[in-house]
Amino acid sequence: DILYESKPHIGTDILIDVVRNMRNEIIKLGGDVRFNTQVTDLRIEN
């Protein structure tokens, strides 16, 4: 129904599942997802 409602709404409970499913697909496709991983510096060369 989010495809046709004027004010689409998923709800946190369902959104949690959607986000987890997207993560699992990224991993299935060869991606890597790392949590508790904060970028603390950048190395710049040239």
PDB file of all heavy atoms in Angstrom:
ATOM      1  N   ASP A   1       0.813  -1.215   0.000  1.00  0.00           N
ATOM      2  CA  ASP A   1       0.000   0.000   0.000  1.00  0.00           C
ATOM      3  C   ASP A   1       0.852   1.272   0.000  1.00  0.00           C
ATOM      4  O   ASP A   1       0.363   2.345  -0.358  1.00  0.00           O
ATOM      5  CB  ASP A   1      -1.007   0.014   1.158  1.00  0.00           C
ATOM      6  CG  ASP A   1      -0.378  -0.060   2.537  1.00  0.00           C
ATOM      7  OD1 ASP A   1       0.867  -0.102   2.647  1.00  0.00           O
ATOM      8  OD2 ASP A   1      -1.142  -0.089   3.519  1.00  0.00           O
ATOM      9  N   ILE A   2       2.130   1.159   0.354  1.00  0.00           N
ATOM     10  CA  ILE A   2       2.989   2.343   0.309  1.00  0.00           C
ATOM     11  C   ILE A   2       3.202   2.814  -1.135  1.00  0.00           C
ATOM     12  O   ILE A   2       3.632   3.944  -1.363  1.00  0.00           O
ATOM     13  CB  ILE A   2       4.353   2.132   1.006  1.00  0.00           C
ATOM     14  CG1 ILE A   2       5.209   1.091   0.281  1.00  0.00           C
ATOM     15  CG2 ILE A   2       4.160   1.789   2.480  1.00  0.00           C
ATOM     16  CD1 ILE A   2       6.634   0.991   0.799  1.00  0.00           C
ATOM     17  N   LEU A   3       2.881   1.961  -2.105  1.00  0.00           N
ATOM     18  CA  LEU A   3       3.057   2.327  -3.503  1.00  0.00           C
ATOM     19  C   LEU A   3       1.949   3.241  -4.020  1.00  0.00           C
ATOM     20  O   LEU A   3       2.106   3.886  -5.047  1.00  0.00           O
ATOM     21  CB  LEU A   3       3.125   1.078  -4.383  1.00  0.00           C
ATOM     22  CG  LEU A   3       4.289   0.130  -4.106  1.00  0.00           C
ATOM     23  CD1 LEU A   3       4.158  -1.133  -4.938  1.00  0.00           C
ATOM     24  CD2 LEU A   3       5.611   0.832  -4.372  1.00  0.00           C
ATOM     25  N   TYR A   4       0.815   3.308  -3.312  1.00  0.00           N
ATOM     26  CA  TYR A   4      -0.285   4.132  -3.810  1.00  0.00           C
ATOM     27  C   TYR A   4      -0.875   5.082  -2.772  1.00  0.00           C
ATOM     28  O   TYR A   4      -1.629   5.981  -3.132  1.00  0.00           O
ATOM     29  CB  TYR A   4      -1.388   3.255  -4.420  1.00  0.00           C
ATOM     30  CG  TYR A   4      -1.953   2.204  -3.500  1.00  0.00           C
ATOM     31  CD1 TYR A   4      -2.920   2.514  -2.561  1.00  0.00           C
ATOM     32  CD2 TYR A   4      -1.520   0.885  -3.594  1.00  0.00           C
ATOM     33  CE1 TYR A   4      -3.444   1.541  -1.718  1.00  0.00           C
ATOM     34  CE2 TYR A   4      -2.039  -0.097  -2.770  1.00  0.00           C
ATOM     35  CZ  TYR A   4      -2.998   0.238  -1.828  1.00  0.00           C
ATOM     36  OH  TYR A   4      -3.499  -0.729  -1.002  1.00  0.00           O
ATOM     37  N   GLU A   5      -0.557   4.940  -1.495  1.00  0.00           N
ATOM     38  CA  GLU A   5      -1.080   5.869  -0.500  1.00  0.00           C
ATOM     39  C   GLU A   5      -0.426   7.239  -0.638  1.00  0.00           C
ATOM     40  O   GLU A   5       0.758   7.346  -0.971  1.00  0.00           O
ATOM     41  CB  GLU A   5      -0.850   5.329   0.911  1.00  0.00           C
ATOM     42  CG  GLU A   5      -1.746   4.164   1.258  1.00  0.00           C
ATOM     43  CD  GLU A   5      -1.623   3.738   2.714  1.00  0.00           C
ATOM     44  OE1 GLU A   5      -0.683   4.186   3.388  1.00  0.00           O
ATOM     45  OE2 GLU A   5      -2.470   2.959   3.147  1.00  0.00           O
ATOM     46  N   SER A   6      -1.206   8.296  -0.363  1.00  0.00           N
ATOM     47  CA  SER A   6      -0.658   9.647  -0.485  1.00  0.00           C
ATOM     48  C   SER A   6       0.324   9.959   0.641  1.00  0.00           C
ATOM     49  O   SER A   6       1.236  10.755   0.455  1.00  0.00           O
ATOM     50  CB  SER A   6      -1.783  10.680  -0.498  1.00  0.00           C
ATOM     51  OG  SER A   6      -2.496  10.644   0.721  1.00  0.00           O
ATOM     52  N   LYS A   7       0.141   9.341   1.787  1.00  0.00           N
ATOM     53  CA  LYS A   7       1.077   9.510   2.906  1.00  0.00           C
ATOM     54  C   LYS A   7       1.541   8.129   3.350  1.00  0.00           C
ATOM     55  O   LYS A   7       1.062   7.596   4.354  1.00  0.00           O
ATOM     56  CB  LYS A   7       0.416  10.272   4.052  1.00  0.00           C
ATOM     57  CG  LYS A   7       0.097  11.706   3.704  1.00  0.00           C
ATOM     58  CD  LYS A   7      -0.472  12.458   4.878  1.00  0.00           C
ATOM     59  CE  LYS A   7      -0.769  13.890   4.458  1.00  0.00           C
ATOM     60  NZ  LYS A   7      -1.334  14.662   5.567  1.00  0.00           N
ATOM     61  N   PRO A   8       2.473   7.530   2.590  1.00  0.00           N
ATOM     62  CA  PRO A   8       2.895   6.157   2.902  1.00  0.00           C
ATOM     63  C   PRO A   8       3.533   6.046   4.279  1.00  0.00           C
ATOM     64  O   PRO A   8       4.181   6.978   4.756  1.00  0.00           O
ATOM     65  CB  PRO A   8       3.885   5.825   1.786  1.00  0.00           C
ATOM     66  CG  PRO A   8       4.324   7.125   1.244  1.00  0.00           C
ATOM     67  CD  PRO A   8       3.214   8.093   1.471  1.00  0.00           C
ATOM     68  N   HIS A   9       3.331   4.900   4.886  1.00  0.00           N
ATOM     69  CA  HIS A   9       3.795   4.667   6.249  1.00  0.00           C
ATOM     70  C   HIS A   9       4.127   3.191   6.386  1.00  0.00           C
ATOM     71  O   HIS A   9       3.313   2.341   6.035  1.00  0.00           O
ATOM     72  CB  HIS A   9       2.662   5.077   7.200  1.00  0.00           C
ATOM     73  CG  HIS A   9       2.950   4.814   8.629  1.00  0.00           C
ATOM     74  ND1 HIS A   9       2.468   3.711   9.275  1.00  0.00           N
ATOM     75  CD2 HIS A   9       3.662   5.510   9.529  1.00  0.00           C
ATOM     76  CE1 HIS A   9       2.872   3.741  10.542  1.00  0.00           C
ATOM     77  NE2 HIS A   9       3.602   4.817  10.718  1.00  0.00           N
ATOM     78  N   ILE A  10       5.328   2.892   6.867  1.00  0.00           N
ATOM     79  CA  ILE A  10       5.718   1.493   7.047  1.00  0.00           C
ATOM     80  C   ILE A  10       5.512   1.067   8.491  1.00  0.00           C
ATOM     81  O   ILE A  10       4.984   0.011   8.768  1.00  0.00           O
ATOM     82  CB  ILE A  10       7.195   1.262   6.643  1.00  0.00           C
ATOM     83  CG1 ILE A  10       7.356   1.434   5.136  1.00  0.00           C
ATOM     84  CG2 ILE A  10       7.648  -0.124   7.059  1.00  0.00           C
ATOM     85  CD1 ILE A  10       8.766   1.214   4.645  1.00  0.00           C
ATOM     86  N   GLY A  11       5.944   1.869   9.429  1.00  0.00           N
ATOM     87  CA  GLY A  11       5.911   1.495  10.838  1.00  0.00           C
ATOM     88  C   GLY A  11       7.256   0.926  11.246  1.00  0.00           C
ATOM     89  O   GLY A  11       7.877   0.173  10.488  1.00  0.00           O
ATOM     90  N   THR A  12       7.727   1.307  12.417  1.00  0.00           N
ATOM     91  CA  THR A  12       9.048   0.882  12.886  1.00  0.00           C
ATOM     92  C   THR A  12       9.180  -0.631  12.917  1.00  0.00           C
ATOM     93  O   THR A  12      10.209  -1.184  12.532  1.00  0.00           O
ATOM     94  CB  THR A  12       9.337   1.472  14.284  1.00  0.00           C
ATOM     95  OG1 THR A  12       9.376   2.900  14.162  1.00  0.00           O
ATOM     96  CG2 THR A  12      10.652   0.982  14.841  1.00  0.00           C
ATOM     97  N   ASP A  13       8.120  -1.343  13.359  1.00  0.00           N
ATOM     98  CA  ASP A  13       8.204  -2.797  13.478  1.00  0.00           C
ATOM     99  C   ASP A  13       8.500  -3.463  12.133  1.00  0.00           C
ATOM    100  O   ASP A  13       9.355  -4.352  12.049  1.00  0.00           O
ATOM    101  CB  ASP A  13       6.922  -3.357  14.099  1.00  0.00           C
ATOM    102  CG  ASP A  13       5.652  -2.917  13.366  1.00  0.00           C
ATOM    103  OD1 ASP A  13       5.683  -1.871  12.671  1.00  0.00           O
ATOM    104  OD2 ASP A  13       4.625  -3.600  13.494  1.00  0.00           O
ATOM    105  N   ILE A  14       7.852  -3.006  11.082  1.00  0.00           N
ATOM    106  CA  ILE A  14       8.093  -3.579   9.750  1.00  0.00           C
ATOM    107  C   ILE A  14       9.390  -3.046   9.154  1.00  0.00           C
ATOM    108  O   ILE A  14      10.140  -3.783   8.512  1.00  0.00           O
ATOM    109  CB  ILE A  14       6.893  -3.312   8.813  1.00  0.00           C
ATOM    110  CG1 ILE A  14       5.668  -4.058   9.347  1.00  0.00           C
ATOM    111  CG2 ILE A  14       7.206  -3.730   7.384  1.00  0.00           C
ATOM    112  CD1 ILE A  14       4.376  -3.745   8.649  1.00  0.00           C
ATOM    113  N   LEU A  15       9.679  -1.761   9.395  1.00  0.00           N
ATOM    114  CA  LEU A  15      10.905  -1.165   8.861  1.00  0.00           C
ATOM    115  C   LEU A  15      12.141  -1.903   9.363  1.00  0.00           C
ATOM    116  O   LEU A  15      13.110  -2.089   8.617  1.00  0.00           O
ATOM    117  CB  LEU A  15      10.973   0.320   9.225  1.00  0.00           C
ATOM    118  CG  LEU A  15      12.107   1.114   8.587  1.00  0.00           C
ATOM    119  CD1 LEU A  15      12.053   1.030   7.072  1.00  0.00           C
ATOM    120  CD2 LEU A  15      12.063   2.556   9.047  1.00  0.00           C
ATOM    121  N   ILE A  16      12.115  -2.357  10.591  1.00  0.00           N
ATOM    122  CA  ILE A  16      13.236  -3.123  11.143  1.00  0.00           C
ATOM    123  C   ILE A  16      13.478  -4.379  10.300  1.00  0.00           C
ATOM    124  O   ILE A  16      14.616  -4.710   9.963  1.00  0.00           O
ATOM    125  CB  ILE A  16      12.995  -3.453  12.622  1.00  0.00           C
ATOM    126  CG1 ILE A  16      13.188  -2.173  13.454  1.00  0.00           C
ATOM    127  CG2 ILE A  16      13.904  -4.576  13.118  1.00  0.00           C
ATOM    128  CD1 ILE A  16      12.773  -2.295  14.903  1.00  0.00           C
ATOM    129  N   ASP A  17      12.407  -5.069   9.928  1.00  0.00           N
ATOM    130  CA  ASP A  17      12.539  -6.266   9.080  1.00  0.00           C
ATOM    131  C   ASP A  17      13.049  -5.904   7.694  1.00  0.00           C
ATOM    132  O   ASP A  17      13.894  -6.601   7.128  1.00  0.00           O
ATOM    133  CB  ASP A  17      11.199  -6.994   8.955  1.00  0.00           C
ATOM    134  CG  ASP A  17      10.749  -7.631  10.259  1.00  0.00           C
ATOM    135  OD1 ASP A  17      11.616  -7.914  11.112  1.00  0.00           O
ATOM    136  OD2 ASP A  17       9.532  -7.841  10.420  1.00  0.00           O
ATOM    137  N   VAL A  18      12.541  -4.814   7.122  1.00  0.00           N
ATOM    138  CA  VAL A  18      12.953  -4.379   5.785  1.00  0.00           C
ATOM    139  C   VAL A  18      14.448  -4.069   5.774  1.00  0.00           C
ATOM    140  O   VAL A  18      15.182  -4.511   4.884  1.00  0.00           O
ATOM    141  CB  VAL A  18      12.117  -3.155   5.331  1.00  0.00           C
ATOM    142  CG1 VAL A  18      12.707  -2.522   4.078  1.00  0.00           C
ATOM    143  CG2 VAL A  18      10.665  -3.541   5.110  1.00  0.00           C
ATOM    144  N   VAL A  19      14.913  -3.328   6.768  1.00  0.00           N
ATOM    145  CA  VAL A  19      16.334  -2.967   6.858  1.00  0.00           C
ATOM    146  C   VAL A  19      17.196  -4.225   7.005  1.00  0.00           C
ATOM    147  O   VAL A  19      18.220  -4.375   6.328  1.00  0.00           O
ATOM    148  CB  VAL A  19      16.571  -1.980   8.025  1.00  0.00           C
ATOM    149  CG1 VAL A  19      18.046  -1.811   8.329  1.00  0.00           C
ATOM    150  CG2 VAL A  19      15.934  -0.623   7.707  1.00  0.00           C
ATOM    151  N   ARG A  20      16.785  -5.136   7.863  1.00  0.00           N
ATOM    152  CA  ARG A  20      17.539  -6.386   8.049  1.00  0.00           C
ATOM    153  C   ARG A  20      17.577  -7.193   6.745  1.00  0.00           C
ATOM    154  O   ARG A  20      18.616  -7.723   6.363  1.00  0.00           O
ATOM    155  CB  ARG A  20      16.922  -7.224   9.170  1.00  0.00           C
ATOM    156  CG  ARG A  20      17.683  -8.541   9.417  1.00  0.00           C
ATOM    157  CD  ARG A  20      17.108  -9.380  10.549  1.00  0.00           C
ATOM    158  NE  ARG A  20      15.672  -9.565  10.449  1.00  0.00           N
ATOM    159  CZ  ARG A  20      14.785  -9.087  11.320  1.00  0.00           C
ATOM    160  NH1 ARG A  20      15.181  -8.418  12.379  1.00  0.00           N
ATOM    161  NH2 ARG A  20      13.490  -9.300  11.154  1.00  0.00           N
ATOM    162  N   ASN A  21      16.457  -7.251   6.039  1.00  0.00           N
ATOM    163  CA  ASN A  21      16.405  -7.984   4.774  1.00  0.00           C
ATOM    164  C   ASN A  21      17.307  -7.347   3.722  1.00  0.00           C
ATOM    165  O   ASN A  21      17.968  -8.062   2.946  1.00  0.00           O
ATOM    166  CB  ASN A  21      14.962  -8.076   4.262  1.00  0.00           C
ATOM    167  CG  ASN A  21      14.091  -8.948   5.149  1.00  0.00           C
ATOM    168  OD1 ASN A  21      14.578  -9.767   5.926  1.00  0.00           O
ATOM    169  ND2 ASN A  21      12.781  -8.755   5.057  1.00  0.00           N
ATOM    170  N   MET A  22      17.352  -6.023   3.688  1.00  0.00           N
ATOM    171  CA  MET A  22      18.255  -5.341   2.744  1.00  0.00           C
ATOM    172  C   MET A  22      19.707  -5.649   3.085  1.00  0.00           C
ATOM    173  O   MET A  22      20.514  -5.927   2.198  1.00  0.00           O
ATOM    174  CB  MET A  22      18.011  -3.834   2.744  1.00  0.00           C
ATOM    175  CG  MET A  22      16.737  -3.431   2.038  1.00  0.00           C
ATOM    176  SD  MET A  22      16.538  -1.643   1.914  1.00  0.00           S
ATOM    177  CE  MET A  22      17.761  -1.268   0.635  1.00  0.00           C
ATOM    178  N   ARG A  23      20.039  -5.624   4.376  1.00  0.00           N
ATOM    179  CA  ARG A  23      21.408  -5.956   4.798  1.00  0.00           C
ATOM    180  C   ARG A  23      21.777  -7.366   4.347  1.00  0.00           C
ATOM    181  O   ARG A  23      22.851  -7.592   3.800  1.00  0.00           O
ATOM    182  CB  ARG A  23      21.529  -5.863   6.318  1.00  0.00           C
ATOM    183  CG  ARG A  23      22.901  -6.321   6.809  1.00  0.00           C
ATOM    184  CD  ARG A  23      22.952  -6.857   8.232  1.00  0.00           C
ATOM    185  NE  ARG A  23      22.005  -6.294   9.144  1.00  0.00           N
ATOM    186  CZ  ARG A  23      21.340  -7.023  10.038  1.00  0.00           C
ATOM    187  NH1 ARG A  23      21.503  -8.342  10.119  1.00  0.00           N
ATOM    188  NH2 ARG A  23      20.497  -6.453  10.879  1.00  0.00           N
ATOM    189  N   ASN A  24      20.878  -8.307   4.568  1.00  0.00           N
ATOM    190  CA  ASN A  24      21.161  -9.692   4.191  1.00  0.00           C
ATOM    191  C   ASN A  24      21.361  -9.833   2.680  1.00  0.00           C
ATOM    192  O   ASN A  24      22.194 -10.623   2.242  1.00  0.00           O
ATOM    193  CB  ASN A  24      20.049 -10.617   4.686  1.00  0.00           C
ATOM    194  CG  ASN A  24      20.082 -10.758   6.202  1.00  0.00           C
ATOM    195  OD1 ASN A  24      21.106 -10.549   6.840  1.00  0.00           O
ATOM    196  ND2 ASN A  24      18.947 -11.095   6.779  1.00  0.00           N
ATOM    197  N   GLU A  25      20.625  -9.056   1.892  1.00  0.00           N
ATOM    198  CA  GLU A  25      20.787  -9.103   0.433  1.00  0.00           C
ATOM    199  C   GLU A  25      22.138  -8.497   0.021  1.00  0.00           C
ATOM    200  O   GLU A  25      22.806  -9.022  -0.869  1.00  0.00           O
ATOM    201  CB  GLU A  25      19.639  -8.360  -0.259  1.00  0.00           C
ATOM    202  CG  GLU A  25      19.684  -8.438  -1.760  1.00  0.00           C
ATOM    203  CD  GLU A  25      19.444  -9.831  -2.337  1.00  0.00           C
ATOM    204  OE1 GLU A  25      19.055 -10.763  -1.596  1.00  0.00           O
ATOM    205  OE2 GLU A  25      19.634  -9.991  -3.564  1.00  0.00           O
ATOM    206  N   ILE A  26      22.547  -7.418   0.666  1.00  0.00           N
ATOM    207  CA  ILE A  26      23.864  -6.821   0.388  1.00  0.00           C
ATOM    208  C   ILE A  26      24.960  -7.853   0.643  1.00  0.00           C
ATOM    209  O   ILE A  26      25.864  -8.034  -0.176  1.00  0.00           O
ATOM    210  CB  ILE A  26      24.080  -5.554   1.250  1.00  0.00           C
ATOM    211  CG1 ILE A  26      23.148  -4.428   0.779  1.00  0.00           C
ATOM    212  CG2 ILE A  26      25.545  -5.102   1.216  1.00  0.00           C
ATOM    213  CD1 ILE A  26      23.022  -3.279   1.765  1.00  0.00           C
ATOM    214  N   ILE A  27      24.844  -8.565   1.740  1.00  0.00           N
ATOM    215  CA  ILE A  27      25.839  -9.597   2.083  1.00  0.00           C
ATOM    216  C   ILE A  27      25.784 -10.737   1.063  1.00  0.00           C
ATOM    217  O   ILE A  27      26.816 -11.202   0.583  1.00  0.00           O
ATOM    218  CB  ILE A  27      25.612 -10.099   3.519  1.00  0.00           C
ATOM    219  CG1 ILE A  27      25.924  -8.981   4.524  1.00  0.00           C
ATOM    220  CG2 ILE A  27      26.457 -11.347   3.810  1.00  0.00           C
ATOM    221  CD1 ILE A  27      25.441  -9.256   5.936  1.00  0.00           C
ATOM    222  N   LYS A  28      24.575 -11.178   0.724  1.00  0.00           N
ATOM    223  CA  LYS A  28      24.404 -12.261  -0.263  1.00  0.00           C
ATOM    224  C   LYS A  28      25.048 -11.896  -1.601  1.00  0.00           C
ATOM    225  O   LYS A  28      25.599 -12.748  -2.290  1.00  0.00           O
ATOM    226  CB  LYS A  28      22.909 -12.538  -0.444  1.00  0.00           C
ATOM    227  CG  LYS A  28      22.576 -13.598  -1.456  1.00  0.00           C
ATOM    228  CD  LYS A  28      21.063 -13.753  -1.569  1.00  0.00           C
ATOM    229  CE  LYS A  28      20.703 -14.515  -2.827  1.00  0.00           C
ATOM    230  NZ  LYS A  28      19.270 -14.462  -3.102  1.00  0.00           N
ATOM    231  N   LEU A  29      24.999 -10.601  -1.957  1.00  0.00           N
ATOM    232  CA  LEU A  29      25.547 -10.128  -3.224  1.00  0.00           C
ATOM    233  C   LEU A  29      27.052  -9.841  -3.154  1.00  0.00           C
ATOM    234  O   LEU A  29      27.616  -9.321  -4.104  1.00  0.00           O
ATOM    235  CB  LEU A  29      24.794  -8.877  -3.690  1.00  0.00           C
ATOM    236  CG  LEU A  29      23.331  -9.093  -4.082  1.00  0.00           C
ATOM    237  CD1 LEU A  29      22.621  -7.758  -4.293  1.00  0.00           C
ATOM    238  CD2 LEU A  29      23.229  -9.964  -5.327  1.00  0.00           C
ATOM    239  N   GLY A  30      27.683 -10.161  -2.025  1.00  0.00           N
ATOM    240  CA  GLY A  30      29.130  -9.997  -1.919  1.00  0.00           C
ATOM    241  C   GLY A  30      29.596  -8.809  -1.094  1.00  0.00           C
ATOM    242  O   GLY A  30      30.797  -8.585  -0.953  1.00  0.00           O
ATOM    243  N   GLY A  31      28.661  -8.048  -0.563  1.00  0.00           N
ATOM    244  CA  GLY A  31      29.022  -6.910   0.281  1.00  0.00           C
ATOM    245  C   GLY A  31      29.377  -7.359   1.683  1.00  0.00           C
ATOM    246  O   GLY A  31      29.164  -8.506   2.067  1.00  0.00           O
ATOM    247  N   ASP A  32      29.920  -6.436   2.440  1.00  0.00           N
ATOM    248  CA  ASP A  32      30.317  -6.680   3.823  1.00  0.00           C
ATOM    249  C   ASP A  32      29.716  -5.568   4.665  1.00  0.00           C
ATOM    250  O   ASP A  32      29.824  -4.392   4.297  1.00  0.00           O
ATOM    251  CB  ASP A  32      31.855  -6.661   3.905  1.00  0.00           C
ATOM    252  CG  ASP A  32      32.395  -7.044   5.260  1.00  0.00           C
ATOM    253  OD1 ASP A  32      31.642  -7.567   6.095  1.00  0.00           O
ATOM    254  OD2 ASP A  32      33.590  -6.802   5.487  1.00  0.00           O
ATOM    255  N   VAL A  33      29.048  -5.911   5.753  1.00  0.00           N
ATOM    256  CA  VAL A  33      28.436  -4.921   6.634  1.00  0.00           C
ATOM    257  C   VAL A  33      29.079  -5.055   8.006  1.00  0.00           C
ATOM    258  O   VAL A  33      29.062  -6.140   8.589  1.00  0.00           O
ATOM    259  CB  VAL A  33      26.904  -5.110   6.724  1.00  0.00           C
ATOM    260  CG1 VAL A  33      26.289  -4.041   7.621  1.00  0.00           C
ATOM    261  CG2 VAL A  33      26.268  -5.088   5.334  1.00  0.00           C
ATOM    262  N   ARG A  34      29.667  -3.967   8.487  1.00  0.00           N
ATOM    263  CA  ARG A  34      30.378  -3.988   9.769  1.00  0.00           C
ATOM    264  C   ARG A  34      29.751  -2.988  10.737  1.00  0.00           C
ATOM    265  O   ARG A  34      29.718  -1.788  10.460  1.00  0.00           O
ATOM    266  CB  ARG A  34      31.852  -3.638   9.562  1.00  0.00           C
ATOM    267  CG  ARG A  34      32.551  -4.589   8.611  1.00  0.00           C
ATOM    268  CD  ARG A  34      33.993  -4.199   8.391  1.00  0.00           C
ATOM    269  NE  ARG A  34      34.568  -4.982   7.306  1.00  0.00           N
ATOM    270  CZ  ARG A  34      35.789  -4.817   6.845  1.00  0.00           C
ATOM    271  NH1 ARG A  34      36.585  -3.911   7.381  1.00  0.00           N
ATOM    272  NH2 ARG A  34      36.227  -5.562   5.845  1.00  0.00           N
ATOM    273  N   PHE A  35      29.287  -3.511  11.861  1.00  0.00           N
ATOM    274  CA  PHE A  35      28.694  -2.671  12.894  1.00  0.00           C
ATOM    275  C   PHE A  35      29.733  -2.351  13.958  1.00  0.00           C
ATOM    276  O   PHE A  35      30.808  -2.943  13.998  1.00  0.00           O
ATOM    277  CB  PHE A  35      27.474  -3.375  13.504  1.00  0.00           C
ATOM    278  CG  PHE A  35      26.402  -3.622  12.495  1.00  0.00           C
ATOM    279  CD1 PHE A  35      26.177  -4.888  11.977  1.00  0.00           C
ATOM    280  CD2 PHE A  35      25.638  -2.572  12.013  1.00  0.00           C
ATOM    281  CE1 PHE A  35      25.204  -5.108  11.022  1.00  0.00           C
ATOM    282  CE2 PHE A  35      24.656  -2.780  11.049  1.00  0.00           C
ATOM    283  CZ  PHE A  35      24.440  -4.054  10.560  1.00  0.00           C
ATOM    284  N   ASN A  36      29.375  -1.408  14.843  1.00  0.00           N
ATOM    285  CA  ASN A  36      30.294  -0.958  15.890  1.00  0.00           C
ATOM    286  C   ASN A  36      31.634  -0.571  15.272  1.00  0.00           C
ATOM    287  O   ASN A  36      32.693  -0.840  15.839  1.00  0.00           O
ATOM    288  CB  ASN A  36      30.469  -2.044  16.967  1.00  0.00           C
ATOM    289  CG  ASN A  36      29.140  -2.407  17.602  1.00  0.00           C
ATOM    290  OD1 ASN A  36      28.442  -1.546  18.125  1.00  0.00           O
ATOM    291  ND2 ASN A  36      28.767  -3.668  17.498  1.00  0.00           N
ATOM    292  N   THR A  37      31.572   0.048  14.101  1.00  0.00           N
ATOM    293  CA  THR A  37      32.761   0.398  13.336  1.00  0.00           C
ATOM    294  C   THR A  37      32.673   1.870  12.948  1.00  0.00           C
ATOM    295  O   THR A  37      32.008   2.234  11.977  1.00  0.00           O
ATOM    296  CB  THR A  37      32.886  -0.494  12.084  1.00  0.00           C
ATOM    297  OG1 THR A  37      32.843  -1.863  12.493  1.00  0.00           O
ATOM    298  CG2 THR A  37      34.178  -0.233  11.352  1.00  0.00           C
ATOM    299  N   GLN A  38      33.337   2.703  13.722  1.00  0.00           N
ATOM    300  CA  GLN A  38      33.312   4.146  13.501  1.00  0.00           C
ATOM    301  C   GLN A  38      34.572   4.591  12.770  1.00  0.00           C
ATOM    302  O   GLN A  38      35.686   4.215  13.152  1.00  0.00           O
ATOM    303  CB  GLN A  38      33.213   4.881  14.837  1.00  0.00           C
ATOM    304  CG  GLN A  38      33.120   6.382  14.689  1.00  0.00           C
ATOM    305  CD  GLN A  38      32.979   7.094  16.018  1.00  0.00           C
ATOM    306  OE1 GLN A  38      33.157   6.503  17.079  1.00  0.00           O
ATOM    307  NE2 GLN A  38      32.655   8.361  15.967  1.00  0.00           N
ATOM    308  N   VAL A  39      34.390   5.383  11.714  1.00  0.00           N
ATOM    309  CA  VAL A  39      35.540   5.946  11.017  1.00  0.00           C
ATOM    310  C   VAL A  39      36.120   7.050  11.903  1.00  0.00           C
ATOM    311  O   VAL A  39      35.413   7.971  12.302  1.00  0.00           O
ATOM    312  CB  VAL A  39      35.145   6.489   9.626  1.00  0.00           C
ATOM    313  CG1 VAL A  39      36.318   7.208   8.975  1.00  0.00           C
ATOM    314  CG2 VAL A  39      34.666   5.345   8.751  1.00  0.00           C
ATOM    315  N   THR A  40      37.410   6.911  12.225  1.00  0.00           N
ATOM    316  CA  THR A  40      38.056   7.856  13.142  1.00  0.00           C
ATOM    317  C   THR A  40      39.143   8.689  12.484  1.00  0.00           C
ATOM    318  O   THR A  40      39.647   9.632  13.097  1.00  0.00           O
ATOM    319  CB  THR A  40      38.621   7.096  14.364  1.00  0.00           C
ATOM    320  OG1 THR A  40      39.392   5.977  13.913  1.00  0.00           O
ATOM    321  CG2 THR A  40      37.491   6.593  15.255  1.00  0.00           C
ATOM    322  N   ASP A  41      39.519   8.365  11.246  1.00  0.00           N
ATOM    323  CA  ASP A  41      40.514   9.170  10.538  1.00  0.00           C
ATOM    324  C   ASP A  41      40.503   8.783   9.061  1.00  0.00           C
ATOM    325  O   ASP A  41      39.988   7.724   8.686  1.00  0.00           O
ATOM    326  CB  ASP A  41      41.913   8.942  11.121  1.00  0.00           C
ATOM    327  CG  ASP A  41      42.876  10.092  10.824  1.00  0.00           C
ATOM    328  OD1 ASP A  41      42.495  11.045  10.096  1.00  0.00           O
ATOM    329  OD2 ASP A  41      44.016  10.029  11.312  1.00  0.00           O
ATOM    330  N   LEU A  42      41.065   9.658   8.248  1.00  0.00           N
ATOM    331  CA  LEU A  42      41.218   9.414   6.814  1.00  0.00           C
ATOM    332  C   LEU A  42      42.693   9.542   6.468  1.00  0.00           C
ATOM    333  O   LEU A  42      43.390  10.386   7.019  1.00  0.00           O
ATOM    334  CB  LEU A  42      40.479  10.474   5.990  1.00  0.00           C
ATOM    335  CG  LEU A  42      38.996  10.675   6.193  1.00  0.00           C
ATOM    336  CD1 LEU A  42      38.548  11.910   5.419  1.00  0.00           C
ATOM    337  CD2 LEU A  42      38.219   9.468   5.711  1.00  0.00           C
ATOM    338  N   ARG A  43      43.153   8.738   5.541  1.00  0.00           N
ATOM    339  CA  ARG A  43      44.501   8.918   4.999  1.00  0.00           C
ATOM    340  C   ARG A  43      44.333   9.477   3.589  1.00  0.00           C
ATOM    341  O   ARG A  43      43.656   8.879   2.759  1.00  0.00           O
ATOM    342  CB  ARG A  43      45.272   7.608   4.960  1.00  0.00           C
ATOM    343  CG  ARG A  43      46.711   7.788   4.444  1.00  0.00           C
ATOM    344  CD  ARG A  43      47.508   6.492   4.496  1.00  0.00           C
ATOM    345  NE  ARG A  43      47.659   6.051   5.874  1.00  0.00           N
ATOM    346  CZ  ARG A  43      47.569   4.770   6.264  1.00  0.00           C
ATOM    347  NH1 ARG A  43      47.344   3.816   5.379  1.00  0.00           N
ATOM    348  NH2 ARG A  43      47.731   4.444   7.533  1.00  0.00           N
ATOM    349  N   ILE A  44      44.965  10.620   3.340  1.00  0.00           N
ATOM    350  CA  ILE A  44      44.903  11.281   2.043  1.00  0.00           C
ATOM    351  C   ILE A  44      46.296  11.237   1.420  1.00  0.00           C
ATOM    352  O   ILE A  44      47.272  11.630   2.070  1.00  0.00           O
ATOM    353  CB  ILE A  44      44.446  12.753   2.175  1.00  0.00           C
ATOM    354  CG1 ILE A  44      43.155  12.873   2.992  1.00  0.00           C
ATOM    355  CG2 ILE A  44      44.330  13.419   0.815  1.00  0.00           C
ATOM    356  CD1 ILE A  44      41.929  12.320   2.337  1.00  0.00           C
ATOM    357  N   GLU A  45      46.383  10.752   0.211  1.00  0.00           N
ATOM    358  CA  GLU A  45      47.652  10.720  -0.522  1.00  0.00           C
ATOM    359  C   GLU A  45      47.424  11.307  -1.905  1.00  0.00           C
ATOM    360  O   GLU A  45      46.495  10.893  -2.602  1.00  0.00           O
ATOM    361  CB  GLU A  45      48.182   9.286  -0.625  1.00  0.00           C
ATOM    362  CG  GLU A  45      48.551   8.680   0.724  1.00  0.00           C
ATOM    363  CD  GLU A  45      48.985   7.222   0.623  1.00  0.00           C
ATOM    364  OE1 GLU A  45      49.044   6.680  -0.496  1.00  0.00           O
ATOM    365  OE2 GLU A  45      49.245   6.623   1.682  1.00  0.00           O
ATOM    366  N   ASN A  46      48.247  12.243  -2.286  1.00  0.00           N
ATOM    367  CA  ASN A  46      48.122  12.906  -3.599  1.00  0.00           C
ATOM    368  C   ASN A  46      46.723  13.469  -3.819  1.00  0.00           C
ATOM    369  O   ASN A  46      46.168  13.372  -4.914  1.00  0.00           O
ATOM    370  CB  ASN A  46      48.502  11.947  -4.731  1.00  0.00           C
ATOM    371  CG  ASN A  46      49.918  11.432  -4.589  1.00  0.00           C
ATOM    372  OD1 ASN A  46      50.828  12.202  -4.253  1.00  0.00           O
ATOM    373  ND2 ASN A  46      50.117  10.157  -4.832  1.00  0.00           N
TER     374      ASN A  46
END
